[in-house]
Amino acid sequence: GMQYVSDEYLINEHGFPADIDINGATAIRDAGISQENRQRAKVLNGSGEKKKRADLAASVARKAERKEAEKKFKLDLTFRSEEKIVEQLCKLAGVEVSEKNLRFAKMEHFNRL
């Protein structure tokens, strides 16, 4: 169905005058959903318009979820990397693997990482 009222429909079928731009040229408004401010009129409750808005909202949500997942992944990598360093330092110091036992690590242990 019709998602927005097109210029073609208003101008050709109903005799409305076309818009004129700043230079005096005819300006046909045929913008899509990403340029709603450039559309003449819209049927807001049309099924196609609702779907476009839902698709746009879903796309924005997916991008946000992907960014959050990437952020979490990077933090997990950092944490795993730190755990590995703690493990190596404790083994080099000959103590049980624990952050509390890092106090037994010496410069020579850090130099061997």
PDB file of N, CA and C in Angstrom:
ATOM      1  N   GLY A   1       0.819  -1.183   0.000  1.00  0.00           N
ATOM      2  CA  GLY A   1       0.000   0.000   0.000  1.00  0.00           C
ATOM      3  C   GLY A   1       0.865   1.250   0.000  1.00  0.00           C
ATOM      4  N   MET A   2       0.228   2.361  -0.069  1.00  0.00           N
ATOM      5  CA  MET A   2       0.926   3.647  -0.082  1.00  0.00           C
ATOM      6  C   MET A   2       1.507   3.916   1.299  1.00  0.00           C
ATOM      7  N   GLN A   3       2.773   4.247   1.367  1.00  0.00           N
ATOM      8  CA  GLN A   3       3.442   4.480   2.631  1.00  0.00           C
ATOM      9  C   GLN A   3       3.506   5.953   2.964  1.00  0.00           C
ATOM     10  N   TYR A   4       3.592   6.755   1.953  1.00  0.00           N
ATOM     11  CA  TYR A   4       3.513   8.197   2.140  1.00  0.00           C
ATOM     12  C   TYR A   4       2.844   8.768   0.901  1.00  0.00           C
ATOM     13  N   VAL A   5       2.317   9.954   1.033  1.00  0.00           N
ATOM     14  CA  VAL A   5       1.616  10.575  -0.081  1.00  0.00           C
ATOM     15  C   VAL A   5       2.674  11.187  -0.990  1.00  0.00           C
ATOM     16  N   SER A   6       2.819  10.636  -2.174  1.00  0.00           N
ATOM     17  CA  SER A   6       3.881  11.075  -3.071  1.00  0.00           C
ATOM     18  C   SER A   6       3.534  12.398  -3.739  1.00  0.00           C
ATOM     19  N   ASP A   7       4.567  13.101  -4.169  1.00  0.00           N
ATOM     20  CA  ASP A   7       4.368  14.332  -4.938  1.00  0.00           C
ATOM     21  C   ASP A   7       3.610  14.021  -6.226  1.00  0.00           C
ATOM     22  N   GLU A   8       3.964  12.908  -6.850  1.00  0.00           N
ATOM     23  CA  GLU A   8       3.309  12.520  -8.096  1.00  0.00           C
ATOM     24  C   GLU A   8       1.800  12.434  -7.901  1.00  0.00           C
ATOM     25  N   TYR A   9       1.379  11.825  -6.815  1.00  0.00           N
ATOM     26  CA  TYR A   9      -0.043  11.673  -6.503  1.00  0.00           C
ATOM     27  C   TYR A   9      -0.689  13.040  -6.277  1.00  0.00           C
ATOM     28  N   LEU A  10      -0.052  13.883  -5.481  1.00  0.00           N
ATOM     29  CA  LEU A  10      -0.630  15.192  -5.173  1.00  0.00           C
ATOM     30  C   LEU A  10      -0.625  16.134  -6.375  1.00  0.00           C
ATOM     31  N   ILE A  11       0.461  16.137  -7.125  1.00  0.00           N
ATOM     32  CA  ILE A  11       0.611  17.074  -8.248  1.00  0.00           C
ATOM     33  C   ILE A  11      -0.192  16.608  -9.459  1.00  0.00           C
ATOM     34  N   ASN A  12       0.035  15.371  -9.885  1.00  0.00           N
ATOM     35  CA  ASN A  12      -0.593  14.879 -11.113  1.00  0.00           C
ATOM     36  C   ASN A  12      -2.065  14.534 -10.948  1.00  0.00           C
ATOM     37  N   GLU A  13      -2.421  13.945  -9.831  1.00  0.00           N
ATOM     38  CA  GLU A  13      -3.794  13.473  -9.685  1.00  0.00           C
ATOM     39  C   GLU A  13      -4.706  14.470  -8.987  1.00  0.00           C
ATOM     40  N   HIS A  14      -4.155  15.399  -8.222  1.00  0.00           N
ATOM     41  CA  HIS A  14      -5.007  16.324  -7.475  1.00  0.00           C
ATOM     42  C   HIS A  14      -4.699  17.789  -7.750  1.00  0.00           C
ATOM     43  N   GLY A  15      -3.755  18.061  -8.631  1.00  0.00           N
ATOM     44  CA  GLY A  15      -3.520  19.417  -9.066  1.00  0.00           C
ATOM     45  C   GLY A  15      -2.797  20.335  -8.098  1.00  0.00           C
ATOM     46  N   PHE A  16      -2.172  19.785  -7.077  1.00  0.00           N
ATOM     47  CA  PHE A  16      -1.390  20.626  -6.172  1.00  0.00           C
ATOM     48  C   PHE A  16      -0.157  21.136  -6.916  1.00  0.00           C
ATOM     49  N   PRO A  17       0.265  22.364  -6.647  1.00  0.00           N
ATOM     50  CA  PRO A  17       1.478  22.860  -7.305  1.00  0.00           C
ATOM     51  C   PRO A  17       2.722  22.184  -6.716  1.00  0.00           C
ATOM     52  N   ALA A  18       3.717  21.983  -7.560  1.00  0.00           N
ATOM     53  CA  ALA A  18       4.977  21.391  -7.094  1.00  0.00           C
ATOM     54  C   ALA A  18       5.719  22.419  -6.249  1.00  0.00           C
ATOM     55  N   ASP A  19       6.526  21.941  -5.345  1.00  0.00           N
ATOM     56  CA  ASP A  19       7.360  22.840  -4.545  1.00  0.00           C
ATOM     57  C   ASP A  19       8.449  23.443  -5.424  1.00  0.00           C
ATOM     58  N   ILE A  20       8.916  24.592  -5.029  1.00  0.00           N
ATOM     59  CA  ILE A  20       9.987  25.290  -5.739  1.00  0.00           C
ATOM     60  C   ILE A  20      11.159  25.429  -4.764  1.00  0.00           C
ATOM     61  N   ASP A  21      12.369  25.109  -5.245  1.00  0.00           N
ATOM     62  CA  ASP A  21      13.532  25.255  -4.367  1.00  0.00           C
ATOM     63  C   ASP A  21      14.025  26.697  -4.353  1.00  0.00           C
ATOM     64  N   ILE A  22      15.092  26.956  -3.654  1.00  0.00           N
ATOM     65  CA  ILE A  22      15.622  28.301  -3.470  1.00  0.00           C
ATOM     66  C   ILE A  22      16.025  28.957  -4.791  1.00  0.00           C
ATOM     67  N   ASN A  23      16.322  28.147  -5.810  1.00  0.00           N
ATOM     68  CA  ASN A  23      16.721  28.665  -7.124  1.00  0.00           C
ATOM     69  C   ASN A  23      15.549  28.791  -8.094  1.00  0.00           C
ATOM     70  N   GLY A  24      14.344  28.477  -7.618  1.00  0.00           N
ATOM     71  CA  GLY A  24      13.163  28.589  -8.465  1.00  0.00           C
ATOM     72  C   GLY A  24      12.873  27.355  -9.290  1.00  0.00           C
ATOM     73  N   ALA A  25      13.646  26.300  -9.116  1.00  0.00           N
ATOM     74  CA  ALA A  25      13.424  25.053  -9.862  1.00  0.00           C
ATOM     75  C   ALA A  25      12.391  24.199  -9.138  1.00  0.00           C
ATOM     76  N   THR A  26      11.672  23.394  -9.908  1.00  0.00           N
ATOM     77  CA  THR A  26      10.699  22.475  -9.321  1.00  0.00           C
ATOM     78  C   THR A  26      11.436  21.466  -8.445  1.00  0.00           C
ATOM     79  N   ALA A  27      10.932  21.272  -7.248  1.00  0.00           N
ATOM     80  CA  ALA A  27      11.546  20.330  -6.313  1.00  0.00           C
ATOM     81  C   ALA A  27      10.545  19.214  -6.028  1.00  0.00           C
ATOM     82  N   ILE A  28      10.846  18.025  -6.498  1.00  0.00           N
ATOM     83  CA  ILE A  28       9.980  16.867  -6.259  1.00  0.00           C
ATOM     84  C   ILE A  28      10.470  16.188  -4.984  1.00  0.00           C
ATOM     85  N   ARG A  29       9.537  15.964  -4.099  1.00  0.00           N
ATOM     86  CA  ARG A  29       9.874  15.327  -2.817  1.00  0.00           C
ATOM     87  C   ARG A  29       9.669  13.817  -2.945  1.00  0.00           C
ATOM     88  N   ASP A  30      10.761  13.101  -3.090  1.00  0.00           N
ATOM     89  CA  ASP A  30      10.684  11.647  -3.232  1.00  0.00           C
ATOM     90  C   ASP A  30      11.605  10.942  -2.242  1.00  0.00           C
ATOM     91  N   ALA A  31      11.859  11.597  -1.114  1.00  0.00           N
ATOM     92  CA  ALA A  31      12.772  11.057  -0.103  1.00  0.00           C
ATOM     93  C   ALA A  31      12.175   9.827   0.571  1.00  0.00           C
ATOM     94  N   GLY A  32      13.059   8.949   1.022  1.00  0.00           N
ATOM     95  CA  GLY A  32      12.638   7.746   1.741  1.00  0.00           C
ATOM     96  C   GLY A  32      12.606   7.988   3.239  1.00  0.00           C
ATOM     97  N   ILE A  33      12.573   6.909   3.996  1.00  0.00           N
ATOM     98  CA  ILE A  33      12.422   7.010   5.442  1.00  0.00           C
ATOM     99  C   ILE A  33      13.596   7.712   6.116  1.00  0.00           C
ATOM    100  N   SER A  34      14.779   7.628   5.534  1.00  0.00           N
ATOM    101  CA  SER A  34      15.935   8.253   6.175  1.00  0.00           C
ATOM    102  C   SER A  34      15.927   9.772   6.027  1.00  0.00           C
ATOM    103  N   GLN A  35      15.029  10.288   5.194  1.00  0.00           N
ATOM    104  CA  GLN A  35      14.933  11.739   5.001  1.00  0.00           C
ATOM    105  C   GLN A  35      13.478  12.174   5.142  1.00  0.00           C
ATOM    106  N   GLU A  36      12.876  11.791   6.255  1.00  0.00           N
ATOM    107  CA  GLU A  36      11.460  12.064   6.463  1.00  0.00           C
ATOM    108  C   GLU A  36      11.135  13.554   6.379  1.00  0.00           C
ATOM    109  N   ASN A  37      12.055  14.387   6.810  1.00  0.00           N
ATOM    110  CA  ASN A  37      11.791  15.827   6.781  1.00  0.00           C
ATOM    111  C   ASN A  37      11.658  16.359   5.355  1.00  0.00           C
ATOM    112  N   ARG A  38      12.071  15.595   4.358  1.00  0.00           N
ATOM    113  CA  ARG A  38      11.988  16.031   2.968  1.00  0.00           C
ATOM    114  C   ARG A  38      10.768  15.459   2.266  1.00  0.00           C
ATOM    115  N   GLN A  39       9.941  14.712   2.995  1.00  0.00           N
ATOM    116  CA  GLN A  39       8.718  14.181   2.406  1.00  0.00           C
ATOM    117  C   GLN A  39       7.606  15.211   2.559  1.00  0.00           C
ATOM    118  N   ARG A  40       6.693  15.227   1.612  1.00  0.00           N
ATOM    119  CA  ARG A  40       5.584  16.180   1.657  1.00  0.00           C
ATOM    120  C   ARG A  40       4.579  15.772   2.728  1.00  0.00           C
ATOM    121  N   ALA A  41       4.065  14.581   2.636  1.00  0.00           N
ATOM    122  CA  ALA A  41       3.047  14.110   3.566  1.00  0.00           C
ATOM    123  C   ALA A  41       3.217  12.607   3.724  1.00  0.00           C
ATOM    124  N   LYS A  42       2.709  12.087   4.816  1.00  0.00           N
ATOM    125  CA  LYS A  42       2.925  10.681   5.106  1.00  0.00           C
ATOM    126  C   LYS A  42       1.681  10.083   5.755  1.00  0.00           C
ATOM    127  N   VAL A  43       1.401   8.844   5.418  1.00  0.00           N
ATOM    128  CA  VAL A  43       0.348   8.100   6.084  1.00  0.00           C
ATOM    129  C   VAL A  43       1.036   7.366   7.233  1.00  0.00           C
ATOM    130  N   LEU A  44       0.981   7.948   8.417  1.00  0.00           N
ATOM    131  CA  LEU A  44       1.756   7.442   9.550  1.00  0.00           C
ATOM    132  C   LEU A  44       1.348   6.049  10.005  1.00  0.00           C
ATOM    133  N   ASN A  45       0.079   5.704   9.848  1.00  0.00           N
ATOM    134  CA  ASN A  45      -0.351   4.399  10.332  1.00  0.00           C
ATOM    135  C   ASN A  45      -0.413   3.359   9.222  1.00  0.00           C
ATOM    136  N   GLY A  46       0.170   3.644   8.060  1.00  0.00           N
ATOM    137  CA  GLY A  46       0.213   2.666   6.980  1.00  0.00           C
ATOM    138  C   GLY A  46       1.092   1.490   7.364  1.00  0.00           C
ATOM    139  N   SER A  47       0.729   0.295   6.932  1.00  0.00           N
ATOM    140  CA  SER A  47       1.478  -0.906   7.321  1.00  0.00           C
ATOM    141  C   SER A  47       2.925  -0.845   6.836  1.00  0.00           C
ATOM    142  N   GLY A  48       3.147  -0.321   5.644  1.00  0.00           N
ATOM    143  CA  GLY A  48       4.511  -0.204   5.129  1.00  0.00           C
ATOM    144  C   GLY A  48       5.345   0.745   5.962  1.00  0.00           C
ATOM    145  N   GLU A  49       4.751   1.851   6.382  1.00  0.00           N
ATOM    146  CA  GLU A  49       5.454   2.845   7.204  1.00  0.00           C
ATOM    147  C   GLU A  49       5.782   2.266   8.578  1.00  0.00           C
ATOM    148  N   LYS A  50       4.835   1.523   9.141  1.00  0.00           N
ATOM    149  CA  LYS A  50       5.077   0.875  10.435  1.00  0.00           C
ATOM    150  C   LYS A  50       6.234  -0.116  10.323  1.00  0.00           C
ATOM    151  N   LYS A  51       6.255  -0.872   9.217  1.00  0.00           N
ATOM    152  CA  LYS A  51       7.325  -1.857   9.023  1.00  0.00           C
ATOM    153  C   LYS A  51       8.677  -1.157   8.886  1.00  0.00           C
ATOM    154  N   LYS A  52       8.729  -0.060   8.116  1.00  0.00           N
ATOM    155  CA  LYS A  52       9.984   0.671   7.959  1.00  0.00           C
ATOM    156  C   LYS A  52      10.494   1.164   9.302  1.00  0.00           C
ATOM    157  N   ARG A  53       9.595   1.702  10.118  1.00  0.00           N
ATOM    158  CA  ARG A  53      10.004   2.196  11.437  1.00  0.00           C
ATOM    159  C   ARG A  53      10.475   1.053  12.331  1.00  0.00           C
ATOM    160  N   ALA A  54       9.768  -0.064  12.286  1.00  0.00           N
ATOM    161  CA  ALA A  54      10.170  -1.230  13.091  1.00  0.00           C
ATOM    162  C   ALA A  54      11.523  -1.755  12.627  1.00  0.00           C
ATOM    163  N   ASP A  55      11.724  -1.812  11.300  1.00  0.00           N
ATOM    164  CA  ASP A  55      13.016  -2.272  10.756  1.00  0.00           C
ATOM    165  C   ASP A  55      14.147  -1.342  11.175  1.00  0.00           C
ATOM    166  N   LEU A  56      13.887  -0.030  11.120  1.00  0.00           N
ATOM    167  CA  LEU A  56      14.903   0.943  11.516  1.00  0.00           C
ATOM    168  C   LEU A  56      15.235   0.802  13.005  1.00  0.00           C
ATOM    169  N   ALA A  57      14.204   0.653  13.833  1.00  0.00           N
ATOM    170  CA  ALA A  57      14.418   0.486  15.274  1.00  0.00           C
ATOM    171  C   ALA A  57      15.187  -0.810  15.556  1.00  0.00           C
ATOM    172  N   ALA A  58      14.848  -1.880  14.833  1.00  0.00           N
ATOM    173  CA  ALA A  58      15.545  -3.159  15.019  1.00  0.00           C
ATOM    174  C   ALA A  58      17.002  -3.036  14.596  1.00  0.00           C
ATOM    175  N   SER A  59      17.254  -2.321  13.525  1.00  0.00           N
ATOM    176  CA  SER A  59      18.622  -2.120  13.056  1.00  0.00           C
ATOM    177  C   SER A  59      19.447  -1.351  14.080  1.00  0.00           C
ATOM    178  N   VAL A  60      18.865  -0.310  14.641  1.00  0.00           N
ATOM    179  CA  VAL A  60      19.553   0.479  15.674  1.00  0.00           C
ATOM    180  C   VAL A  60      19.823  -0.399  16.898  1.00  0.00           C
ATOM    181  N   ALA A  61      18.837  -1.210  17.278  1.00  0.00           N
ATOM    182  CA  ALA A  61      19.006  -2.096  18.440  1.00  0.00           C
ATOM    183  C   ALA A  61      20.103  -3.128  18.183  1.00  0.00           C
ATOM    184  N   ARG A  62      20.138  -3.695  16.959  1.00  0.00           N
ATOM    185  CA  ARG A  62      21.186  -4.680  16.628  1.00  0.00           C
ATOM    186  C   ARG A  62      22.567  -4.048  16.693  1.00  0.00           C
ATOM    187  N   LYS A  63      22.698  -2.823  16.194  1.00  0.00           N
ATOM    188  CA  LYS A  63      23.988  -2.132  16.250  1.00  0.00           C
ATOM    189  C   LYS A  63      24.412  -1.924  17.695  1.00  0.00           C
ATOM    190  N   ALA A  64      23.477  -1.504  18.543  1.00  0.00           N
ATOM    191  CA  ALA A  64      23.794  -1.284  19.961  1.00  0.00           C
ATOM    192  C   ALA A  64      24.188  -2.600  20.626  1.00  0.00           C
ATOM    193  N   GLU A  65      23.467  -3.675  20.328  1.00  0.00           N
ATOM    194  CA  GLU A  65      23.790  -4.988  20.900  1.00  0.00           C
ATOM    195  C   GLU A  65      25.164  -5.456  20.437  1.00  0.00           C
ATOM    196  N   ARG A  66      25.464  -5.246  19.140  1.00  0.00           N
ATOM    197  CA  ARG A  66      26.760  -5.658  18.603  1.00  0.00           C
ATOM    198  C   ARG A  66      27.888  -4.881  19.270  1.00  0.00           C
ATOM    199  N   LYS A  67      27.689  -3.572  19.458  1.00  0.00           N
ATOM    200  CA  LYS A  67      28.718  -2.761  20.125  1.00  0.00           C
ATOM    201  C   LYS A  67      28.930  -3.230  21.553  1.00  0.00           C
ATOM    202  N   GLU A  68      27.836  -3.529  22.244  1.00  0.00           N
ATOM    203  CA  GLU A  68      27.940  -3.999  23.626  1.00  0.00           C
ATOM    204  C   GLU A  68      28.647  -5.352  23.681  1.00  0.00           C
ATOM    205  N   ALA A  69      28.331  -6.242  22.737  1.00  0.00           N
ATOM    206  CA  ALA A  69      28.984  -7.558  22.691  1.00  0.00           C
ATOM    207  C   ALA A  69      30.474  -7.414  22.405  1.00  0.00           C
ATOM    208  N   GLU A  70      30.833  -6.508  21.491  1.00  0.00           N
ATOM    209  CA  GLU A  70      32.257  -6.273  21.194  1.00  0.00           C
ATOM    210  C   GLU A  70      32.978  -5.723  22.419  1.00  0.00           C
ATOM    211  N   LYS A  71      32.334  -4.816  23.122  1.00  0.00           N
ATOM    212  CA  LYS A  71      32.914  -4.237  24.330  1.00  0.00           C
ATOM    213  C   LYS A  71      33.135  -5.327  25.391  1.00  0.00           C
ATOM    214  N   LYS A  72      32.121  -6.183  25.574  1.00  0.00           N
ATOM    215  CA  LYS A  72      32.224  -7.270  26.546  1.00  0.00           C
ATOM    216  C   LYS A  72      33.335  -8.246  26.140  1.00  0.00           C
ATOM    217  N   PHE A  73      33.416  -8.546  24.852  1.00  0.00           N
ATOM    218  CA  PHE A  73      34.446  -9.452  24.356  1.00  0.00           C
ATOM    219  C   PHE A  73      35.838  -8.897  24.646  1.00  0.00           C
ATOM    220  N   LYS A  74      36.029  -7.607  24.392  1.00  0.00           N
ATOM    221  CA  LYS A  74      37.326  -6.982  24.654  1.00  0.00           C
ATOM    222  C   LYS A  74      37.657  -7.021  26.139  1.00  0.00           C
ATOM    223  N   LEU A  75      36.655  -6.763  26.984  1.00  0.00           N
ATOM    224  CA  LEU A  75      36.888  -6.833  28.428  1.00  0.00           C
ATOM    225  C   LEU A  75      37.232  -8.251  28.860  1.00  0.00           C
ATOM    226  N   ASP A  76      36.525  -9.236  28.277  1.00  0.00           N
ATOM    227  CA  ASP A  76      36.818 -10.641  28.588  1.00  0.00           C
ATOM    228  C   ASP A  76      38.240 -11.001  28.189  1.00  0.00           C
ATOM    229  N   LEU A  77      38.664 -10.529  27.005  1.00  0.00           N
ATOM    230  CA  LEU A  77      40.036 -10.796  26.561  1.00  0.00           C
ATOM    231  C   LEU A  77      41.045 -10.183  27.522  1.00  0.00           C
ATOM    232  N   THR A  78      40.776  -8.952  27.932  1.00  0.00           N
ATOM    233  CA  THR A  78      41.665  -8.268  28.873  1.00  0.00           C
ATOM    234  C   THR A  78      41.726  -9.041  30.186  1.00  0.00           C
ATOM    235  N   PHE A  79      40.554  -9.463  30.682  1.00  0.00           N
ATOM    236  CA  PHE A  79      40.504 -10.202  31.943  1.00  0.00           C
ATOM    237  C   PHE A  79      41.253 -11.524  31.825  1.00  0.00           C
ATOM    238  N   ARG A  80      41.019 -12.263  30.723  1.00  0.00           N
ATOM    239  CA  ARG A  80      41.715 -13.536  30.532  1.00  0.00           C
ATOM    240  C   ARG A  80      43.220 -13.327  30.417  1.00  0.00           C
ATOM    241  N   SER A  81      43.607 -12.253  29.771  1.00  0.00           N
ATOM    242  CA  SER A  81      45.025 -11.932  29.628  1.00  0.00           C
ATOM    243  C   SER A  81      45.633 -11.651  31.002  1.00  0.00           C
ATOM    244  N   GLU A  82      44.917 -10.897  31.820  1.00  0.00           N
ATOM    245  CA  GLU A  82      45.399 -10.597  33.174  1.00  0.00           C
ATOM    246  C   GLU A  82      45.471 -11.858  34.024  1.00  0.00           C
ATOM    247  N   GLU A  83      44.474 -12.742  33.888  1.00  0.00           N
ATOM    248  CA  GLU A  83      44.488 -14.007  34.633  1.00  0.00           C
ATOM    249  C   GLU A  83      45.723 -14.829  34.250  1.00  0.00           C
ATOM    250  N   LYS A  84      46.027 -14.845  32.971  1.00  0.00           N
ATOM    251  CA  LYS A  84      47.179 -15.618  32.489  1.00  0.00           C
ATOM    252  C   LYS A  84      48.476 -15.049  33.073  1.00  0.00           C
ATOM    253  N   ILE A  85      48.584 -13.733  33.131  1.00  0.00           N
ATOM    254  CA  ILE A  85      49.776 -13.090  33.695  1.00  0.00           C
ATOM    255  C   ILE A  85      49.903 -13.437  35.180  1.00  0.00           C
ATOM    256  N   VAL A  86      48.771 -13.381  35.912  1.00  0.00           N
ATOM    257  CA  VAL A  86      48.789 -13.744  37.334  1.00  0.00           C
ATOM    258  C   VAL A  86      49.256 -15.184  37.489  1.00  0.00           C
ATOM    259  N   GLU A  87      48.727 -16.064  36.655  1.00  0.00           N
ATOM    260  CA  GLU A  87      49.101 -17.476  36.711  1.00  0.00           C
ATOM    261  C   GLU A  87      50.602 -17.653  36.458  1.00  0.00           C
ATOM    262  N   GLN A  88      51.117 -17.015  35.426  1.00  0.00           N
ATOM    263  CA  GLN A  88      52.536 -17.156  35.097  1.00  0.00           C
ATOM    264  C   GLN A  88      53.422 -16.610  36.214  1.00  0.00           C
ATOM    265  N   LEU A  89      53.083 -15.430  36.751  1.00  0.00           N
ATOM    266  CA  LEU A  89      53.906 -14.836  37.815  1.00  0.00           C
ATOM    267  C   LEU A  89      53.912 -15.705  39.064  1.00  0.00           C
ATOM    268  N   CYS A  90      52.742 -16.239  39.428  1.00  0.00           N
ATOM    269  CA  CYS A  90      52.673 -17.092  40.616  1.00  0.00           C
ATOM    270  C   CYS A  90      53.478 -18.375  40.421  1.00  0.00           C
ATOM    271  N   LYS A  91      53.408 -18.959  39.234  1.00  0.00           N
ATOM    272  CA  LYS A  91      54.181 -20.172  38.966  1.00  0.00           C
ATOM    273  C   LYS A  91      55.677 -19.873  39.032  1.00  0.00           C
ATOM    274  N   LEU A  92      56.080 -18.732  38.450  1.00  0.00           N
ATOM    275  CA  LEU A  92      57.495 -18.357  38.495  1.00  0.00           C
ATOM    276  C   LEU A  92      57.962 -18.106  39.931  1.00  0.00           C
ATOM    277  N   ALA A  93      57.058 -17.589  40.764  1.00  0.00           N
ATOM    278  CA  ALA A  93      57.406 -17.321  42.167  1.00  0.00           C
ATOM    279  C   ALA A  93      57.283 -18.576  43.025  1.00  0.00           C
ATOM    280  N   GLY A  94      56.706 -19.639  42.466  1.00  0.00           N
ATOM    281  CA  GLY A  94      56.567 -20.898  43.193  1.00  0.00           C
ATOM    282  C   GLY A  94      55.481 -20.865  44.249  1.00  0.00           C
ATOM    283  N   VAL A  95      54.426 -20.093  43.999  1.00  0.00           N
ATOM    284  CA  VAL A  95      53.322 -19.998  44.968  1.00  0.00           C
ATOM    285  C   VAL A  95      52.010 -20.369  44.287  1.00  0.00           C
ATOM    286  N   GLU A  96      50.990 -20.594  45.105  1.00  0.00           N
ATOM    287  CA  GLU A  96      49.657 -20.915  44.591  1.00  0.00           C
ATOM    288  C   GLU A  96      49.145 -19.758  43.731  1.00  0.00           C
ATOM    289  N   VAL A  97      48.438 -20.102  42.638  1.00  0.00           N
ATOM    290  CA  VAL A  97      47.930 -19.074  41.731  1.00  0.00           C
ATOM    291  C   VAL A  97      46.786 -18.315  42.400  1.00  0.00           C
ATOM    292  N   SER A  98      47.060 -17.041  42.672  1.00  0.00           N
ATOM    293  CA  SER A  98      46.078 -16.160  43.299  1.00  0.00           C
ATOM    294  C   SER A  98      46.588 -14.725  43.189  1.00  0.00           C
ATOM    295  N   GLU A  99      45.679 -13.798  42.984  1.00  0.00           N
ATOM    296  CA  GLU A  99      46.100 -12.394  42.916  1.00  0.00           C
ATOM    297  C   GLU A  99      46.774 -11.965  44.227  1.00  0.00           C
ATOM    298  N   LYS A 100      46.328 -12.535  45.326  1.00  0.00           N
ATOM    299  CA  LYS A 100      46.918 -12.183  46.625  1.00  0.00           C
ATOM    300  C   LYS A 100      48.388 -12.578  46.703  1.00  0.00           C
ATOM    301  N   ASN A 101      48.751 -13.609  45.941  1.00  0.00           N
ATOM    302  CA  ASN A 101      50.131 -14.089  45.982  1.00  0.00           C
ATOM    303  C   ASN A 101      51.050 -13.350  45.018  1.00  0.00           C
ATOM    304  N   LEU A 102      50.530 -12.369  44.306  1.00  0.00           N
ATOM    305  CA  LEU A 102      51.380 -11.572  43.416  1.00  0.00           C
ATOM    306  C   LEU A 102      52.452 -10.818  44.204  1.00  0.00           C
ATOM    307  N   ARG A 103      52.217 -10.630  45.474  1.00  0.00           N
ATOM    308  CA  ARG A 103      53.216  -9.914  46.305  1.00  0.00           C
ATOM    309  C   ARG A 103      54.539 -10.659  46.369  1.00  0.00           C
ATOM    310  N   PHE A 104      54.505 -11.959  46.032  1.00  0.00           N
ATOM    311  CA  PHE A 104      55.739 -12.743  46.064  1.00  0.00           C
ATOM    312  C   PHE A 104      56.514 -12.660  44.736  1.00  0.00           C
ATOM    313  N   ALA A 105      55.892 -12.082  43.726  1.00  0.00           N
ATOM    314  CA  ALA A 105      56.567 -11.958  42.432  1.00  0.00           C
ATOM    315  C   ALA A 105      57.646 -10.886  42.529  1.00  0.00           C
ATOM    316  N   LYS A 106      58.777 -11.170  41.909  1.00  0.00           N
ATOM    317  CA  LYS A 106      59.903 -10.238  41.932  1.00  0.00           C
ATOM    318  C   LYS A 106      60.149  -9.723  40.518  1.00  0.00           C
ATOM    319  N   MET A 107      60.982  -8.731  40.403  1.00  0.00           N
ATOM    320  CA  MET A 107      61.288  -8.159  39.094  1.00  0.00           C
ATOM    321  C   MET A 107      61.790  -9.212  38.110  1.00  0.00           C
ATOM    322  N   GLU A 108      62.551 -10.154  38.596  1.00  0.00           N
ATOM    323  CA  GLU A 108      63.067 -11.193  37.701  1.00  0.00           C
ATOM    324  C   GLU A 108      61.928 -12.017  37.104  1.00  0.00           C
ATOM    325  N   HIS A 109      60.829 -12.173  37.867  1.00  0.00           N
ATOM    326  CA  HIS A 109      59.664 -12.919  37.342  1.00  0.00           C
ATOM    327  C   HIS A 109      58.964 -12.095  36.250  1.00  0.00           C
ATOM    328  N   PHE A 110      58.824 -10.785  36.494  1.00  0.00           N
ATOM    329  CA  PHE A 110      58.201  -9.914  35.496  1.00  0.00           C
ATOM    330  C   PHE A 110      59.043  -9.875  34.208  1.00  0.00           C
ATOM    331  N   ASN A 111      60.355  -9.889  34.366  1.00  0.00           N
ATOM    332  CA  ASN A 111      61.244  -9.847  33.219  1.00  0.00           C
ATOM    333  C   ASN A 111      61.140 -11.100  32.364  1.00  0.00           C
ATOM    334  N   ARG A 112      60.658 -12.195  32.941  1.00  0.00           N
ATOM    335  CA  ARG A 112      60.576 -13.448  32.213  1.00  0.00           C
ATOM    336  C   ARG A 112      59.226 -13.646  31.507  1.00  0.00           C
ATOM    337  N   LEU A 113      58.317 -12.695  31.645  1.00  0.00           N
ATOM    338  CA  LEU A 113      56.989 -12.821  30.988  1.00  0.00           C
ATOM    339  C   LEU A 113      57.102 -12.712  29.486  1.00  0.00           C
TER     340      LEU A 113
END
